[in-house]
Amino acid sequence: MTGSIQIKKGRSNYYAVLNIYDNDGKRKLKWIDTKIPIKGNNKRKADAKLTELLAMYTASGVNLNRDVEFTDFMEQWLETMKATIAPTSYDAYKMILDVHILPYFAKTKQKVTDVSPAHIQKYVNEKLKVLSPNTVRKHLANLSKCFDSAVKQNIIAYNPVKRIEAPKKVVFTGAKHYNEKQIEQLLECSKNDPLELVIRLTLFYGLRRSEVLGLKWNAIDFDAGTVTIRHTVVKTATNLYKHDRTKNNSSHTVFPMTDILASELKKWKIKQCELMSLQPSDYVDSDYICTYADGRLILPDFVSRHFKLLLKKNNMPPIRFHDLRHSSAYYLKGLGFDLKDIQTWLRHSDIGTTMNIYVNLDMDAKVNIANKLNTQFQNLKMATS
């Protein structure tokens, strides 16, 4: 059984809306007053009440009907998940369902109990013709969570996703990085560009795009000489999210602020004030640091597009904006910092992630070794001939 918490017009309490099916497999909505007022932090209490009600109705045998269509069940499952996951995750789940999973299974009109491992395997095989293995694995993750829910509700006996041959995860090897000379060239050619400060902050701290765009002035403490990473800006296919949370716990970090960065940030803050005074009615005072001349926040998709054009204009090797994070790791390695130091600076929760980058960076060292070996073998060949 699935359900959601809703607000009923004209009522002061939260309502739990349960999806119950009759003997013909038709869905009916059951509205239940939770008696929990709509105020303060009561939404969490309402969600807990919904979980309690779902467990009670499931235990009583309601919704054990086996005739509900799989696509209907999955849509209801997604709405239930909405209260438990981040908005960005919900958007990602919904996109996969709307674009791929639901259209595919809508043609079959299968019931939840009719979907077998063979059907899931066929879906995987079809999607692998047009999508990467890693993307298909994301589809399977969503499907598996949905079927796990059906298992918990005693609608099916087992999760069919767990009985197929899933595509193996492909380790991404397309990551690139700039060397020290290229980094210096990028810093030079980005002067007076809309992304100048974005690029400098990203390279210095190895920030993610969402983190550098999420920097606000309240994260800068000039007296203490610190920069705090606690706010992000993320754009999905349908929404722009600004929130005080980052990718993982280790991402909530306080960085030291160097004199040169403090100087640049102070100059930009003064510049923002000047721009605001020149266009008092049109300037958008948002407290964000990375903004256009009119105060509007620089958006994630603009960063990716404009960065690509900036590199092309200056005849620089094409890399992704995210590769500046890898370039930061390269720079740190060149300065003599070890694996643990780089993990700490880049805030990788798993050192394995740092190691993957480190392995790619080691290719330069391997090329250097190969060249030296080649010279030595040539000398050896000349000496023995």
Protein backbone atom coordinates (compact mmCIF):
# COMPACT_ATOMS: atom_id res chain seq x y z
CA MET A 1 0.00 0.00 0.00
CA THR A 2 1.13 3.52 -0.69
CA GLY A 3 0.01 6.92 0.49
CA SER A 4 0.93 10.54 1.02
CA ILE A 5 0.38 13.45 3.38
CA GLN A 6 -1.92 16.14 2.00
CA ILE A 7 -3.40 19.45 3.09
CA LYS A 8 -7.18 19.68 2.69
CA LYS A 9 -8.57 23.09 1.77
CA GLY A 10 -10.21 24.78 4.74
CA ARG A 11 -8.84 22.26 7.25
CA SER A 12 -6.20 22.91 9.91
CA ASN A 13 -4.84 19.34 10.19
CA TYR A 14 -2.70 17.16 7.94
CA TYR A 15 -4.53 14.33 6.13
CA ALA A 16 -3.14 10.93 5.24
CA VAL A 17 -4.31 9.82 1.79
CA LEU A 18 -4.11 6.03 1.31
CA ASN A 19 -4.28 4.26 -2.05
CA ILE A 20 -6.59 1.29 -1.55
CA TYR A 21 -7.69 -1.13 -4.27
CA ASP A 22 -11.01 -2.89 -4.59
CA ASN A 23 -11.52 -6.42 -5.87
CA ASP A 24 -11.48 -5.18 -9.47
CA GLY A 25 -8.08 -3.59 -9.00
CA LYS A 26 -9.48 -0.06 -9.14
CA ARG A 27 -7.81 2.50 -6.94
CA LYS A 28 -9.73 4.36 -4.28
CA LEU A 29 -8.41 7.19 -2.13
CA LYS A 30 -9.06 7.02 1.59
CA TRP A 31 -8.61 10.35 3.42
CA ILE A 32 -7.79 10.08 7.13
CA ASP A 33 -7.48 13.04 9.51
CA THR A 34 -4.16 12.63 11.35
CA LYS A 35 -5.28 15.12 14.04
CA ILE A 36 -1.85 16.77 13.64
CA PRO A 37 -2.06 20.56 13.12
CA ILE A 38 -0.44 22.20 10.06
CA LYS A 39 2.18 24.28 11.84
CA GLY A 40 5.82 24.35 12.90
CA ASN A 41 7.72 21.11 12.33
CA ASN A 42 4.61 18.90 12.45
CA LYS A 43 5.18 17.61 8.90
CA ARG A 44 7.61 15.02 10.32
CA LYS A 45 4.97 13.88 12.82
CA ALA A 46 2.43 13.61 10.00
CA ASP A 47 4.84 11.49 7.91
CA ALA A 48 5.36 9.19 10.92
CA LYS A 49 1.58 8.90 11.30
CA LEU A 50 1.27 7.99 7.61
CA THR A 51 3.83 5.20 8.06
CA GLU A 52 1.86 3.93 11.06
CA LEU A 53 -1.43 3.95 9.13
CA LEU A 54 0.08 2.19 6.13
CA ALA A 55 1.46 -0.54 8.38
CA MET A 56 -1.90 -0.96 10.12
CA TYR A 57 -3.91 -1.22 6.89
CA THR A 58 -1.37 -3.55 5.30
CA ALA A 59 -1.39 -5.84 8.33
CA SER A 60 -5.20 -5.96 8.22
CA GLY A 61 -5.06 -7.43 4.73
CA VAL A 62 -6.18 -4.35 2.82
CA ASN A 63 -4.49 -3.86 -0.56
CA LEU A 64 -3.32 -7.44 -0.92
CA ASN A 65 -5.22 -7.49 -4.18
CA ARG A 66 -2.96 -8.81 -6.93
CA ASP A 67 -4.64 -7.00 -9.83
CA VAL A 68 -3.08 -3.55 -9.56
CA GLU A 69 -1.14 -2.60 -12.70
CA PHE A 70 2.61 -2.24 -12.29
CA THR A 71 2.74 1.28 -13.77
CA ASP A 72 0.04 2.48 -11.33
CA PHE A 73 1.86 0.91 -8.42
CA MET A 74 5.15 2.52 -9.41
CA GLU A 75 3.61 5.98 -9.70
CA GLN A 76 2.11 5.60 -6.22
CA TRP A 77 5.44 4.33 -4.88
CA LEU A 78 7.20 7.42 -6.25
CA GLU A 79 4.73 9.73 -4.51
CA THR A 80 5.38 7.88 -1.25
CA MET A 81 9.13 8.30 -1.76
CA LYS A 82 8.70 12.04 -2.28
CA ALA A 83 8.49 12.68 1.45
CA THR A 84 11.65 10.72 2.22
CA ILE A 85 14.18 11.87 -0.41
CA ALA A 86 15.74 15.15 -1.50
CA PRO A 87 13.84 17.16 -4.15
CA THR A 88 16.72 16.72 -6.60
CA SER A 89 16.59 12.94 -6.13
CA TYR A 90 12.81 12.98 -6.63
CA ASP A 91 13.22 14.88 -9.91
CA ALA A 92 15.82 12.36 -11.07
CA TYR A 93 13.57 9.41 -10.14
CA LYS A 94 10.57 11.01 -11.85
CA MET A 95 12.51 11.71 -15.05
CA ILE A 96 13.59 8.06 -15.31
CA LEU A 97 10.04 6.85 -14.68
CA ASP A 98 8.30 9.31 -17.02
CA VAL A 99 10.76 9.02 -19.91
CA HIS A 100 11.73 5.35 -19.76
CA ILE A 101 10.11 2.91 -17.31
CA LEU A 102 6.44 3.91 -17.41
CA PRO A 103 6.16 4.22 -21.23
CA TYR A 104 7.82 0.83 -21.65
CA PHE A 105 5.64 -1.09 -19.18
CA ALA A 106 2.45 0.83 -20.03
CA LYS A 107 2.39 -1.04 -23.35
CA THR A 108 2.31 -4.41 -21.58
CA LYS A 109 -0.41 -3.50 -19.03
CA GLN A 110 1.17 -6.02 -16.67
CA LYS A 111 0.06 -6.42 -13.08
CA VAL A 112 2.66 -6.13 -10.34
CA THR A 113 2.57 -9.91 -9.89
CA ASP A 114 3.06 -10.52 -13.63
CA VAL A 115 6.45 -8.81 -13.87
CA SER A 116 9.10 -11.53 -13.87
CA PRO A 117 12.92 -11.47 -14.01
CA ALA A 118 12.62 -12.22 -17.73
CA HIS A 119 10.58 -9.04 -18.26
CA ILE A 120 13.12 -6.94 -16.36
CA GLN A 121 15.97 -8.55 -18.30
CA LYS A 122 14.25 -7.72 -21.58
CA TYR A 123 13.85 -4.11 -20.43
CA VAL A 124 17.56 -3.95 -19.60
CA ASN A 125 18.57 -5.43 -22.94
CA GLU A 126 16.41 -2.92 -24.82
CA LYS A 127 17.73 0.08 -22.89
CA LEU A 128 21.36 -0.98 -23.30
CA LYS A 129 20.92 -0.42 -27.04
CA VAL A 130 20.54 3.33 -26.47
CA LEU A 131 21.84 4.02 -22.95
CA SER A 132 25.09 3.41 -21.09
CA PRO A 133 25.39 0.54 -18.58
CA ASN A 134 25.72 3.01 -15.71
CA THR A 135 22.51 4.79 -16.71
CA VAL A 136 20.62 1.50 -16.97
CA ARG A 137 21.90 0.56 -13.52
CA LYS A 138 20.17 3.70 -12.20
CA HIS A 139 16.93 2.49 -13.76
CA LEU A 140 17.39 -0.86 -12.05
CA ALA A 141 18.00 0.84 -8.71
CA ASN A 142 14.62 2.59 -8.98
CA LEU A 143 12.87 -0.57 -10.08
CA SER A 144 14.44 -2.56 -7.28
CA LYS A 145 13.30 -0.09 -4.61
CA CYS A 146 9.79 -0.19 -6.01
CA PHE A 147 9.66 -4.00 -6.00
CA ASP A 148 11.13 -4.07 -2.48
CA SER A 149 8.11 -2.04 -1.43
CA ALA A 150 5.79 -4.56 -3.10
CA VAL A 151 7.56 -7.41 -1.27
CA LYS A 152 7.14 -5.66 2.10
CA GLN A 153 3.43 -5.30 1.38
CA ASN A 154 3.10 -9.03 0.58
CA ILE A 155 1.97 -8.24 -2.95
CA ILE A 156 4.81 -10.28 -4.47
CA ALA A 157 7.02 -12.99 -3.01
CA TYR A 158 10.39 -11.72 -4.26
CA ASN A 159 12.09 -8.84 -6.05
CA PRO A 160 12.54 -9.80 -9.74
CA VAL A 161 15.29 -7.19 -10.23
CA LYS A 162 17.54 -9.19 -7.90
CA ARG A 163 17.30 -12.24 -10.16
CA ILE A 164 18.65 -10.80 -13.40
CA GLU A 165 22.06 -10.24 -14.98
CA ALA A 166 22.61 -6.55 -14.36
CA PRO A 167 25.11 -4.69 -16.57
CA LYS A 168 28.48 -4.22 -14.94
CA LYS A 169 29.34 -0.77 -13.70
CA VAL A 170 31.69 1.04 -16.05
CA VAL A 171 34.40 3.05 -14.34
CA PHE A 172 34.46 6.55 -15.82
CA THR A 173 37.79 7.16 -17.53
CA GLY A 174 36.87 10.33 -19.39
CA ALA A 175 38.01 12.64 -16.63
CA LYS A 176 40.71 15.05 -17.74
CA HIS A 177 42.75 17.69 -15.99
CA TYR A 178 44.89 20.69 -16.74
CA ASN A 179 48.56 20.78 -15.82
CA GLU A 180 50.18 23.71 -14.03
CA LYS A 181 50.90 25.64 -17.23
CA GLN A 182 47.33 25.16 -18.53
CA ILE A 183 45.89 26.25 -15.17
CA GLU A 184 47.92 29.45 -15.36
CA GLN A 185 46.71 30.00 -18.93
CA LEU A 186 43.09 29.49 -17.88
CA LEU A 187 43.39 31.96 -15.02
CA GLU A 188 44.85 34.51 -17.42
CA CYS A 189 42.29 34.13 -20.21
CA SER A 190 39.35 34.17 -17.77
CA LYS A 191 40.19 37.66 -16.47
CA ASN A 192 37.16 39.98 -16.78
CA ASP A 193 35.03 37.02 -17.88
CA PRO A 194 31.67 36.39 -16.15
CA LEU A 195 33.15 33.13 -14.82
CA GLU A 196 36.43 34.62 -13.57
CA LEU A 197 35.63 34.33 -9.85
CA VAL A 198 33.78 31.03 -10.33
CA ILE A 199 36.87 29.49 -11.96
CA ARG A 200 39.31 30.87 -9.39
CA LEU A 201 37.31 29.63 -6.40
CA THR A 202 36.74 26.24 -8.04
CA LEU A 203 40.41 25.70 -8.81
CA PHE A 204 41.65 26.90 -5.43
CA TYR A 205 39.28 24.87 -3.26
CA GLY A 206 38.44 22.06 -5.68
CA LEU A 207 34.74 22.87 -5.34
CA ARG A 208 31.83 21.20 -7.06
CA ARG A 209 29.79 23.41 -9.39
CA SER A 210 26.83 23.37 -6.98
CA GLU A 211 29.08 24.48 -4.12
CA VAL A 212 30.83 27.40 -5.79
CA LEU A 213 27.52 28.78 -7.10
CA GLY A 214 26.00 28.31 -3.65
CA LEU A 215 28.57 30.50 -1.91
CA LYS A 216 26.96 33.42 -0.11
CA TRP A 217 28.55 36.38 1.62
CA ASN A 218 27.39 35.01 4.98
CA ALA A 219 29.77 32.08 4.33
CA ILE A 220 32.74 34.46 4.21
CA ASP A 221 34.29 35.56 7.49
CA PHE A 222 36.97 38.14 6.71
CA ASP A 223 37.87 38.57 10.40
CA ALA A 224 38.42 34.85 11.01
CA GLY A 225 39.78 34.31 7.50
CA THR A 226 37.44 31.42 6.63
CA VAL A 227 35.15 30.21 3.86
CA THR A 228 32.35 27.82 4.85
CA ILE A 229 30.78 25.39 2.38
CA ARG A 230 27.19 24.81 3.47
CA HIS A 231 24.83 25.95 0.69
CA THR A 232 24.36 24.55 -2.82
CA VAL A 233 22.61 25.51 -6.04
CA VAL A 234 21.48 22.56 -8.18
CA LYS A 235 19.51 22.58 -11.43
CA THR A 236 17.58 19.55 -12.62
CA ALA A 237 15.68 19.16 -15.88
CA THR A 238 12.63 20.81 -14.32
CA ASN A 239 13.66 22.82 -11.26
CA LEU A 240 16.35 24.98 -9.65
CA TYR A 241 17.08 24.08 -6.03
CA LYS A 242 18.84 26.33 -3.53
CA HIS A 243 19.32 24.73 -0.15
CA ASP A 244 21.57 24.59 2.89
CA ARG A 245 22.90 21.12 2.38
CA THR A 246 25.75 19.53 0.44
CA LYS A 247 26.54 16.12 -1.02
CA ASN A 248 27.78 14.41 2.13
CA ASN A 249 28.65 15.16 5.74
CA SER A 250 32.32 15.71 4.95
CA SER A 251 31.25 18.41 2.48
CA HIS A 252 30.24 20.71 5.37
CA THR A 253 33.69 22.25 5.56
CA VAL A 254 35.38 25.39 6.77
CA PHE A 255 38.31 26.37 4.55
CA PRO A 256 41.07 28.85 5.41
CA MET A 257 40.98 32.00 3.27
CA THR A 258 44.29 33.19 1.87
CA ASP A 259 45.26 36.85 1.65
CA ILE A 260 45.03 36.89 -2.15
CA LEU A 261 41.51 35.37 -2.16
CA ALA A 262 40.38 37.70 0.63
CA SER A 263 41.62 40.65 -1.44
CA GLU A 264 39.76 39.47 -4.57
CA LEU A 265 36.53 38.81 -2.65
CA LYS A 266 36.66 42.25 -0.99
CA LYS A 267 37.14 43.91 -4.38
CA TRP A 268 34.18 41.99 -5.83
CA LYS A 269 31.97 42.87 -2.85
CA ILE A 270 32.75 46.56 -3.40
CA LYS A 271 32.05 46.11 -7.12
CA GLN A 272 28.67 44.51 -6.37
CA CYS A 273 27.75 47.50 -4.19
CA GLU A 274 28.72 49.89 -6.99
CA LEU A 275 26.64 47.93 -9.51
CA MET A 276 23.70 47.98 -7.12
CA SER A 277 23.90 51.77 -6.73
CA LEU A 278 24.00 52.23 -10.53
CA GLN A 279 20.81 50.17 -11.06
CA PRO A 280 18.82 50.43 -7.80
CA SER A 281 15.53 49.31 -9.31
CA ASP A 282 16.88 46.52 -11.49
CA TYR A 283 19.63 45.02 -9.34
CA VAL A 284 18.82 41.67 -7.67
CA ASP A 285 20.28 41.67 -4.16
CA SER A 286 20.47 37.94 -3.43
CA ASP A 287 23.52 37.70 -1.11
CA TYR A 288 25.13 35.25 -3.55
CA ILE A 289 28.75 35.85 -4.48
CA CYS A 290 28.82 34.45 -8.02
CA THR A 291 26.44 36.77 -9.84
CA TYR A 292 26.03 38.65 -13.10
CA ALA A 293 26.44 42.43 -13.27
CA ASP A 294 22.74 42.86 -12.41
CA GLY A 295 22.99 40.71 -9.28
CA ARG A 296 21.26 37.67 -10.72
CA LEU A 297 22.71 34.33 -9.65
CA ILE A 298 24.90 32.64 -12.26
CA LEU A 299 23.08 29.40 -13.11
CA PRO A 300 24.65 25.92 -13.41
CA ASP A 301 23.78 25.36 -17.08
CA PHE A 302 25.29 28.74 -18.02
CA VAL A 303 28.54 27.73 -16.29
CA SER A 304 28.83 24.55 -18.35
CA ARG A 305 27.95 26.23 -21.66
CA HIS A 306 30.04 29.36 -21.22
CA PHE A 307 33.06 27.46 -19.88
CA LYS A 308 33.10 25.37 -23.05
CA LEU A 309 32.97 28.52 -25.20
CA LEU A 310 35.70 30.20 -23.14
CA LEU A 311 38.08 27.28 -23.73
CA LYS A 312 37.32 27.17 -27.44
CA LYS A 313 37.82 30.92 -27.82
CA ASN A 314 41.28 30.67 -26.22
CA ASN A 315 42.33 27.47 -28.05
CA MET A 316 42.57 25.49 -24.83
CA PRO A 317 42.07 21.69 -24.65
CA PRO A 318 38.37 20.90 -24.05
CA ILE A 319 37.53 19.68 -20.56
CA ARG A 320 34.34 19.63 -18.48
CA PHE A 321 33.86 22.27 -15.81
CA HIS A 322 33.91 19.47 -13.22
CA ASP A 323 37.39 18.57 -14.44
CA LEU A 324 38.64 21.73 -12.73
CA ARG A 325 38.13 19.74 -9.52
CA HIS A 326 40.46 17.07 -10.91
CA SER A 327 42.87 19.81 -12.00
CA SER A 328 42.92 21.02 -8.41
CA ALA A 329 43.93 17.51 -7.35
CA TYR A 330 46.65 17.48 -10.00
CA TYR A 331 47.99 20.80 -8.75
CA LEU A 332 48.03 19.55 -5.14
CA LYS A 333 49.87 16.41 -6.20
CA GLY A 334 52.46 18.52 -8.00
CA LEU A 335 52.98 20.52 -4.81
CA GLY A 336 53.89 17.29 -3.03
CA PHE A 337 50.69 16.56 -1.11
CA ASP A 338 49.85 12.89 -0.56
CA LEU A 339 46.63 10.93 -1.12
CA LYS A 340 45.21 11.67 2.34
CA ASP A 341 45.93 15.39 2.01
CA ILE A 342 44.09 15.52 -1.33
CA GLN A 343 41.15 13.56 0.09
CA THR A 344 40.87 16.05 2.95
CA TRP A 345 41.02 19.10 0.65
CA LEU A 346 38.53 17.72 -1.91
CA ARG A 347 36.31 16.32 0.89
CA HIS A 348 35.88 12.85 -0.55
CA SER A 349 33.97 10.73 1.98
CA ASP A 350 35.52 7.61 0.42
CA ILE A 351 39.26 7.55 -0.20
CA GLY A 352 38.54 5.19 -3.13
CA THR A 353 37.19 8.19 -5.05
CA THR A 354 40.44 10.04 -4.44
CA MET A 355 42.41 6.98 -5.49
CA ASN A 356 40.56 6.80 -8.82
CA ILE A 357 41.58 10.39 -9.57
CA TYR A 358 45.08 9.75 -8.27
CA VAL A 359 45.49 6.79 -10.63
CA ASN A 360 44.63 9.01 -13.60
CA LEU A 361 47.05 11.66 -12.40
CA ASP A 362 49.80 9.04 -12.12
CA MET A 363 49.70 8.59 -15.92
CA ASP A 364 51.95 11.64 -16.26
CA ALA A 365 54.50 9.98 -13.99
CA LYS A 366 54.23 6.75 -15.99
CA VAL A 367 54.82 8.61 -19.26
CA ASN A 368 57.90 10.22 -17.73
CA ILE A 369 59.19 6.79 -16.62
CA ALA A 370 58.49 5.30 -20.05
CA ASN A 371 60.40 8.10 -21.78
CA LYS A 372 63.39 7.67 -19.49
CA LEU A 373 63.33 3.88 -19.99
CA ASN A 374 63.13 4.39 -23.74
CA THR A 375 66.24 6.62 -23.63
CA GLN A 376 68.10 4.14 -21.45
CA PHE A 377 67.26 1.19 -23.73
CA GLN A 378 68.33 3.17 -26.78
CA ASN A 379 71.66 3.92 -25.11
CA LEU A 380 71.99 0.26 -24.13
CA LYS A 381 71.28 -0.85 -27.70
CA MET A 382 73.91 1.55 -29.08
CA ALA A 383 76.47 0.33 -26.54
CA THR A 384 75.94 -3.34 -27.43
CA SER A 385 75.71 -2.98 -31.22
